[in-house]
Amino acid sequence: MTFGDRMRELLEQGAAVSKEFAAKAGEKAQDWGGRGIQASKELAAKAGAKAQELGELGVLKLEIKQFEGQAKKLMGRLGAEVYSNFTDRQAESVSRNEPAIGALLSEIASVKEAIEKREEDIRKRKPPV
């Protein structure tokens, strides 16, 4: 065997070992990458679920604030109606049987129920502390 043949054989052995090493390294990298991708997917799914839950809670809280504002306006209208009955109509008393008063009281009651329903929804969604 000549020196050139021996060198060629060593180079071929080195190339074979390098290919084998590269293949194993590629498999490991792919395995680690797969694990990383799976962990990322799980984390993204959990984060997405949490974000959706927080978004839904935010919507409920916003609705409550809107209903509270509506209730304040209705109470203001009720107060104005009562005041009008006493001053403009010279009434001695007011009753819920009067159409305007009864309608406002009904609206206030329905807004109150809507607020309580959303508050209950929030309590159901929040884990106990």
N, C-alpha and C. Protein backbone atom coordinates (compact mmCIF):
# COMPACT_ATOMS: atom_id res chain seq x y z
N MET A 1 0.85 -1.15 0.00
CA MET A 1 0.00 0.00 0.00
C MET A 1 0.91 1.23 0.00
N THR A 2 0.60 2.10 -0.89
CA THR A 2 1.42 3.30 -1.02
C THR A 2 0.97 4.36 -0.02
N PHE A 3 1.83 5.34 0.10
CA PHE A 3 1.51 6.45 1.01
C PHE A 3 0.24 7.16 0.57
N GLY A 4 0.06 7.36 -0.70
CA GLY A 4 -1.14 8.03 -1.24
C GLY A 4 -2.39 7.23 -0.94
N ASP A 5 -2.29 5.85 -1.10
CA ASP A 5 -3.44 4.99 -0.82
C ASP A 5 -3.80 5.05 0.66
N ARG A 6 -2.78 5.03 1.48
CA ARG A 6 -3.00 5.09 2.94
C ARG A 6 -3.67 6.42 3.32
N MET A 7 -3.24 7.50 2.74
CA MET A 7 -3.83 8.82 3.04
C MET A 7 -5.28 8.87 2.57
N ARG A 8 -5.56 8.30 1.39
CA ARG A 8 -6.92 8.28 0.86
C ARG A 8 -7.82 7.48 1.80
N GLU A 9 -7.34 6.33 2.28
CA GLU A 9 -8.09 5.49 3.21
C GLU A 9 -8.37 6.23 4.51
N LEU A 10 -7.38 6.92 5.04
CA LEU A 10 -7.58 7.70 6.28
C LEU A 10 -8.59 8.83 6.06
N LEU A 11 -8.50 9.49 4.92
CA LEU A 11 -9.45 10.56 4.62
C LEU A 11 -10.87 10.01 4.50
N GLU A 12 -11.02 8.85 3.87
CA GLU A 12 -12.33 8.23 3.74
C GLU A 12 -12.88 7.83 5.10
N GLN A 13 -12.03 7.28 5.97
CA GLN A 13 -12.45 6.94 7.32
C GLN A 13 -12.88 8.20 8.08
N GLY A 14 -12.08 9.25 7.94
CA GLY A 14 -12.40 10.52 8.60
C GLY A 14 -13.72 11.09 8.10
N ALA A 15 -13.93 10.98 6.81
CA ALA A 15 -15.18 11.48 6.23
C ALA A 15 -16.36 10.66 6.73
N ALA A 16 -16.18 9.33 6.83
CA ALA A 16 -17.27 8.46 7.32
C ALA A 16 -17.60 8.80 8.77
N VAL A 17 -16.57 9.00 9.59
CA VAL A 17 -16.79 9.35 11.00
C VAL A 17 -17.47 10.71 11.09
N SER A 18 -17.04 11.65 10.27
CA SER A 18 -17.64 12.99 10.28
C SER A 18 -19.11 12.93 9.87
N LYS A 19 -19.43 12.11 8.85
CA LYS A 19 -20.82 11.97 8.41
C LYS A 19 -21.67 11.36 9.52
N GLU A 20 -21.11 10.34 10.18
CA GLU A 20 -21.83 9.68 11.27
C GLU A 20 -22.07 10.66 12.42
N PHE A 21 -21.04 11.42 12.77
CA PHE A 21 -21.16 12.41 13.83
C PHE A 21 -22.18 13.48 13.46
N ALA A 22 -22.14 13.96 12.23
CA ALA A 22 -23.07 14.99 11.77
C ALA A 22 -24.51 14.46 11.79
N ALA A 23 -24.70 13.20 11.41
CA ALA A 23 -26.03 12.61 11.42
C ALA A 23 -26.57 12.51 12.84
N LYS A 24 -25.74 12.06 13.78
CA LYS A 24 -26.16 11.97 15.18
C LYS A 24 -26.45 13.35 15.75
N ALA A 25 -25.60 14.31 15.42
CA ALA A 25 -25.80 15.68 15.91
C ALA A 25 -27.10 16.24 15.33
N GLY A 26 -27.35 15.94 14.06
CA GLY A 26 -28.59 16.40 13.43
C GLY A 26 -29.82 15.80 14.10
N GLU A 27 -29.74 14.50 14.42
CA GLU A 27 -30.86 13.84 15.11
C GLU A 27 -31.10 14.48 16.48
N LYS A 28 -30.01 14.71 17.21
CA LYS A 28 -30.13 15.35 18.53
C LYS A 28 -30.74 16.74 18.42
N ALA A 29 -30.24 17.50 17.46
CA ALA A 29 -30.74 18.87 17.27
C ALA A 29 -32.22 18.85 16.90
N GLN A 30 -32.58 17.90 16.05
CA GLN A 30 -33.97 17.79 15.65
C GLN A 30 -34.84 17.39 16.85
N ASP A 31 -34.34 16.48 17.66
CA ASP A 31 -35.06 16.05 18.86
C ASP A 31 -35.24 17.23 19.81
N TRP A 32 -34.17 17.97 20.05
CA TRP A 32 -34.25 19.14 20.93
C TRP A 32 -35.17 20.20 20.35
N GLY A 33 -35.07 20.38 19.05
CA GLY A 33 -35.94 21.35 18.38
C GLY A 33 -37.40 20.94 18.50
N GLY A 34 -37.66 19.65 18.33
CA GLY A 34 -39.03 19.15 18.46
C GLY A 34 -39.57 19.36 19.86
N ARG A 35 -38.72 19.09 20.85
CA ARG A 35 -39.13 19.32 22.24
C ARG A 35 -39.40 20.81 22.49
N GLY A 36 -38.52 21.64 21.95
CA GLY A 36 -38.68 23.08 22.11
C GLY A 36 -39.96 23.58 21.45
N ILE A 37 -40.23 23.08 20.26
CA ILE A 37 -41.45 23.47 19.56
C ILE A 37 -42.68 23.01 20.33
N GLN A 38 -42.65 21.78 20.84
CA GLN A 38 -43.78 21.26 21.60
C GLN A 38 -44.00 22.09 22.87
N ALA A 39 -42.92 22.41 23.56
CA ALA A 39 -43.03 23.23 24.77
C ALA A 39 -43.56 24.62 24.42
N SER A 40 -43.10 25.16 23.31
CA SER A 40 -43.58 26.48 22.87
C SER A 40 -45.07 26.43 22.55
N LYS A 41 -45.50 25.35 21.88
CA LYS A 41 -46.93 25.21 21.56
C LYS A 41 -47.77 25.12 22.83
N GLU A 42 -47.29 24.33 23.80
CA GLU A 42 -48.03 24.20 25.06
C GLU A 42 -48.10 25.53 25.79
N LEU A 43 -46.98 26.23 25.83
CA LEU A 43 -46.94 27.54 26.48
C LEU A 43 -47.86 28.52 25.77
N ALA A 44 -47.84 28.51 24.46
CA ALA A 44 -48.69 29.42 23.69
C ALA A 44 -50.17 29.10 23.92
N ALA A 45 -50.49 27.81 24.00
CA ALA A 45 -51.88 27.42 24.24
C ALA A 45 -52.33 27.88 25.63
N LYS A 46 -51.47 27.68 26.63
CA LYS A 46 -51.81 28.12 27.98
C LYS A 46 -51.94 29.64 28.05
N ALA A 47 -51.01 30.33 27.41
CA ALA A 47 -51.05 31.80 27.40
C ALA A 47 -52.29 32.29 26.67
N GLY A 48 -52.63 31.62 25.58
CA GLY A 48 -53.83 32.00 24.83
C GLY A 48 -55.09 31.81 25.65
N ALA A 49 -55.17 30.69 26.35
CA ALA A 49 -56.34 30.42 27.19
C ALA A 49 -56.44 31.45 28.31
N LYS A 50 -55.30 31.77 28.91
CA LYS A 50 -55.30 32.75 30.00
C LYS A 50 -55.68 34.14 29.47
N ALA A 51 -55.17 34.49 28.30
CA ALA A 51 -55.50 35.78 27.70
C ALA A 51 -56.98 35.87 27.38
N GLN A 52 -57.54 34.77 26.88
CA GLN A 52 -58.97 34.77 26.57
C GLN A 52 -59.78 34.91 27.85
N GLU A 53 -59.37 34.18 28.89
CA GLU A 53 -60.07 34.27 30.17
C GLU A 53 -60.02 35.69 30.72
N LEU A 54 -58.83 36.30 30.68
CA LEU A 54 -58.70 37.68 31.16
C LEU A 54 -59.50 38.64 30.30
N GLY A 55 -59.54 38.38 29.01
CA GLY A 55 -60.34 39.22 28.11
C GLY A 55 -61.82 39.14 28.44
N GLU A 56 -62.28 37.92 28.71
CA GLU A 56 -63.69 37.74 29.06
C GLU A 56 -64.01 38.42 30.39
N LEU A 57 -63.10 38.33 31.35
CA LEU A 57 -63.30 39.01 32.63
C LEU A 57 -63.34 40.52 32.41
N GLY A 58 -62.47 41.00 31.55
CA GLY A 58 -62.45 42.43 31.25
C GLY A 58 -63.75 42.90 30.63
N VAL A 59 -64.29 42.09 29.73
CA VAL A 59 -65.57 42.43 29.10
C VAL A 59 -66.67 42.48 30.16
N LEU A 60 -66.70 41.51 31.05
CA LEU A 60 -67.72 41.50 32.11
C LEU A 60 -67.60 42.74 33.00
N LYS A 61 -66.37 43.09 33.36
CA LYS A 61 -66.17 44.27 34.21
C LYS A 61 -66.58 45.55 33.48
N LEU A 62 -66.30 45.62 32.19
CA LEU A 62 -66.70 46.78 31.40
C LEU A 62 -68.22 46.87 31.34
N GLU A 63 -68.88 45.74 31.12
CA GLU A 63 -70.34 45.73 31.08
C GLU A 63 -70.92 46.19 32.41
N ILE A 64 -70.32 45.75 33.51
CA ILE A 64 -70.79 46.19 34.83
C ILE A 64 -70.68 47.70 34.95
N LYS A 65 -69.53 48.26 34.54
CA LYS A 65 -69.35 49.72 34.61
C LYS A 65 -70.40 50.43 33.75
N GLN A 66 -70.68 49.90 32.58
CA GLN A 66 -71.69 50.51 31.71
C GLN A 66 -73.08 50.45 32.36
N PHE A 67 -73.41 49.31 32.94
CA PHE A 67 -74.70 49.19 33.61
C PHE A 67 -74.78 50.12 34.82
N GLU A 68 -73.68 50.27 35.55
CA GLU A 68 -73.68 51.19 36.69
C GLU A 68 -73.93 52.62 36.23
N GLY A 69 -73.32 53.00 35.11
CA GLY A 69 -73.56 54.33 34.55
C GLY A 69 -75.01 54.50 34.14
N GLN A 70 -75.57 53.45 33.53
CA GLN A 70 -76.97 53.49 33.12
C GLN A 70 -77.87 53.61 34.36
N ALA A 71 -77.54 52.89 35.42
CA ALA A 71 -78.34 52.95 36.64
C ALA A 71 -78.29 54.36 37.24
N LYS A 72 -77.13 54.99 37.23
CA LYS A 72 -77.02 56.36 37.75
C LYS A 72 -77.90 57.32 36.95
N LYS A 73 -77.89 57.18 35.64
CA LYS A 73 -78.74 58.03 34.81
C LYS A 73 -80.21 57.80 35.11
N LEU A 74 -80.59 56.52 35.26
CA LEU A 74 -81.98 56.21 35.56
C LEU A 74 -82.39 56.77 36.92
N MET A 75 -81.49 56.69 37.90
CA MET A 75 -81.80 57.24 39.23
C MET A 75 -81.93 58.76 39.16
N GLY A 76 -81.11 59.38 38.33
CA GLY A 76 -81.23 60.82 38.14
C GLY A 76 -82.56 61.19 37.51
N ARG A 77 -82.98 60.40 36.51
CA ARG A 77 -84.28 60.64 35.89
C ARG A 77 -85.41 60.40 36.89
N LEU A 78 -85.25 59.39 37.74
CA LEU A 78 -86.26 59.12 38.77
C LEU A 78 -86.36 60.30 39.73
N GLY A 79 -85.22 60.78 40.16
CA GLY A 79 -85.21 61.94 41.06
C GLY A 79 -85.85 63.15 40.41
N ALA A 80 -85.56 63.37 39.14
CA ALA A 80 -86.16 64.50 38.43
C ALA A 80 -87.67 64.34 38.31
N GLU A 81 -88.11 63.12 38.06
CA GLU A 81 -89.55 62.85 37.96
C GLU A 81 -90.25 63.09 39.30
N VAL A 82 -89.64 62.62 40.36
CA VAL A 82 -90.22 62.84 41.71
C VAL A 82 -90.26 64.34 42.00
N TYR A 83 -89.18 65.03 41.74
CA TYR A 83 -89.11 66.47 41.98
C TYR A 83 -90.19 67.19 41.16
N SER A 84 -90.35 66.75 39.90
CA SER A 84 -91.36 67.35 39.03
C SER A 84 -92.76 67.14 39.60
N ASN A 85 -93.01 65.96 40.12
CA ASN A 85 -94.33 65.68 40.72
C ASN A 85 -94.60 66.61 41.90
N PHE A 86 -93.60 66.86 42.71
CA PHE A 86 -93.81 67.71 43.89
C PHE A 86 -93.88 69.18 43.53
N THR A 87 -93.09 69.62 42.61
CA THR A 87 -93.04 71.06 42.32
C THR A 87 -94.01 71.46 41.21
N ASP A 88 -93.96 70.79 40.07
CA ASP A 88 -94.80 71.20 38.93
C ASP A 88 -96.26 70.80 39.11
N ARG A 89 -96.47 69.62 39.61
CA ARG A 89 -97.86 69.10 39.73
C ARG A 89 -98.43 69.29 41.13
N GLN A 90 -97.62 69.82 42.02
CA GLN A 90 -98.05 70.07 43.41
C GLN A 90 -98.59 68.79 44.08
N ALA A 91 -97.94 67.64 43.79
CA ALA A 91 -98.38 66.37 44.37
C ALA A 91 -97.99 66.33 45.85
N GLU A 92 -98.82 65.67 46.64
CA GLU A 92 -98.56 65.48 48.06
C GLU A 92 -97.62 64.29 48.29
N SER A 93 -97.71 63.31 47.37
CA SER A 93 -96.87 62.11 47.45
C SER A 93 -96.70 61.52 46.04
N VAL A 94 -95.77 60.61 45.94
CA VAL A 94 -95.58 59.90 44.67
C VAL A 94 -95.71 58.41 44.95
N SER A 95 -96.06 57.68 43.91
CA SER A 95 -96.27 56.24 44.07
C SER A 95 -95.64 55.51 42.90
N ARG A 96 -95.25 54.29 43.15
CA ARG A 96 -94.70 53.47 42.07
C ARG A 96 -95.78 53.12 41.06
N ASN A 97 -97.05 53.35 41.40
CA ASN A 97 -98.14 53.07 40.46
C ASN A 97 -98.25 54.12 39.37
N GLU A 98 -97.60 55.27 39.56
CA GLU A 98 -97.60 56.28 38.50
C GLU A 98 -96.77 55.74 37.34
N PRO A 99 -97.26 55.89 36.11
CA PRO A 99 -96.59 55.28 34.94
C PRO A 99 -95.10 55.62 34.81
N ALA A 100 -94.76 56.88 34.91
CA ALA A 100 -93.36 57.27 34.73
C ALA A 100 -92.49 56.72 35.85
N ILE A 101 -92.95 56.78 37.07
CA ILE A 101 -92.19 56.29 38.23
C ILE A 101 -92.04 54.78 38.14
N GLY A 102 -93.13 54.07 37.86
CA GLY A 102 -93.10 52.62 37.76
C GLY A 102 -92.15 52.14 36.67
N ALA A 103 -92.18 52.82 35.51
CA ALA A 103 -91.31 52.43 34.40
C ALA A 103 -89.84 52.61 34.78
N LEU A 104 -89.51 53.72 35.42
CA LEU A 104 -88.13 53.96 35.83
C LEU A 104 -87.68 52.94 36.88
N LEU A 105 -88.55 52.64 37.84
CA LEU A 105 -88.20 51.64 38.86
C LEU A 105 -87.98 50.27 38.23
N SER A 106 -88.78 49.93 37.23
CA SER A 106 -88.60 48.64 36.53
C SER A 106 -87.26 48.60 35.80
N GLU A 107 -86.93 49.69 35.12
CA GLU A 107 -85.65 49.74 34.41
C GLU A 107 -84.48 49.62 35.38
N ILE A 108 -84.57 50.31 36.51
CA ILE A 108 -83.50 50.25 37.51
C ILE A 108 -83.35 48.83 38.04
N ALA A 109 -84.48 48.17 38.29
CA ALA A 109 -84.44 46.78 38.78
C ALA A 109 -83.80 45.85 37.75
N SER A 110 -84.11 46.04 36.46
CA SER A 110 -83.53 45.15 35.45
C SER A 110 -82.03 45.40 35.29
N VAL A 111 -81.61 46.66 35.41
CA VAL A 111 -80.18 46.97 35.35
C VAL A 111 -79.46 46.35 36.55
N LYS A 112 -80.09 46.44 37.71
CA LYS A 112 -79.50 45.85 38.92
C LYS A 112 -79.32 44.33 38.74
N GLU A 113 -80.32 43.68 38.16
CA GLU A 113 -80.22 42.23 37.92
C GLU A 113 -79.09 41.92 36.94
N ALA A 114 -78.95 42.74 35.91
CA ALA A 114 -77.89 42.53 34.93
C ALA A 114 -76.51 42.66 35.59
N ILE A 115 -76.35 43.65 36.47
CA ILE A 115 -75.08 43.83 37.19
C ILE A 115 -74.80 42.62 38.07
N GLU A 116 -75.81 42.18 38.82
CA GLU A 116 -75.63 41.03 39.72
C GLU A 116 -75.28 39.77 38.94
N LYS A 117 -75.89 39.58 37.76
CA LYS A 117 -75.59 38.40 36.94
C LYS A 117 -74.12 38.41 36.51
N ARG A 118 -73.63 39.55 36.07
CA ARG A 118 -72.24 39.63 35.62
C ARG A 118 -71.26 39.49 36.79
N GLU A 119 -71.63 40.04 37.93
CA GLU A 119 -70.77 39.86 39.11
C GLU A 119 -70.70 38.39 39.51
N GLU A 120 -71.81 37.69 39.38
CA GLU A 120 -71.82 36.25 39.67
C GLU A 120 -70.97 35.49 38.65
N ASP A 121 -71.04 35.88 37.39
CA ASP A 121 -70.19 35.26 36.36
C ASP A 121 -68.72 35.45 36.69
N ILE A 122 -68.36 36.63 37.17
CA ILE A 122 -66.97 36.90 37.54
C ILE A 122 -66.57 36.02 38.72
N ARG A 123 -67.43 35.91 39.72
CA ARG A 123 -67.11 35.06 40.89
C ARG A 123 -66.92 33.60 40.48
N LYS A 124 -67.71 33.13 39.53
CA LYS A 124 -67.59 31.74 39.06
C LYS A 124 -66.29 31.50 38.33
N ARG A 125 -65.79 32.51 37.63
CA ARG A 125 -64.57 32.35 36.82
C ARG A 125 -63.31 32.46 37.64
N LYS A 126 -63.33 33.25 38.69
CA LYS A 126 -62.11 33.47 39.49
C LYS A 126 -61.88 32.27 40.41
N PRO A 127 -60.66 31.78 40.43
CA PRO A 127 -60.34 30.69 41.38
C PRO A 127 -60.31 31.24 42.80
N PRO A 128 -60.67 30.43 43.77
CA PRO A 128 -60.63 30.89 45.16
C PRO A 128 -59.20 31.25 45.58
N VAL A 129 -59.07 32.30 46.34
CA VAL A 129 -57.74 32.77 46.75
C VAL A 129 -57.34 32.15 48.06
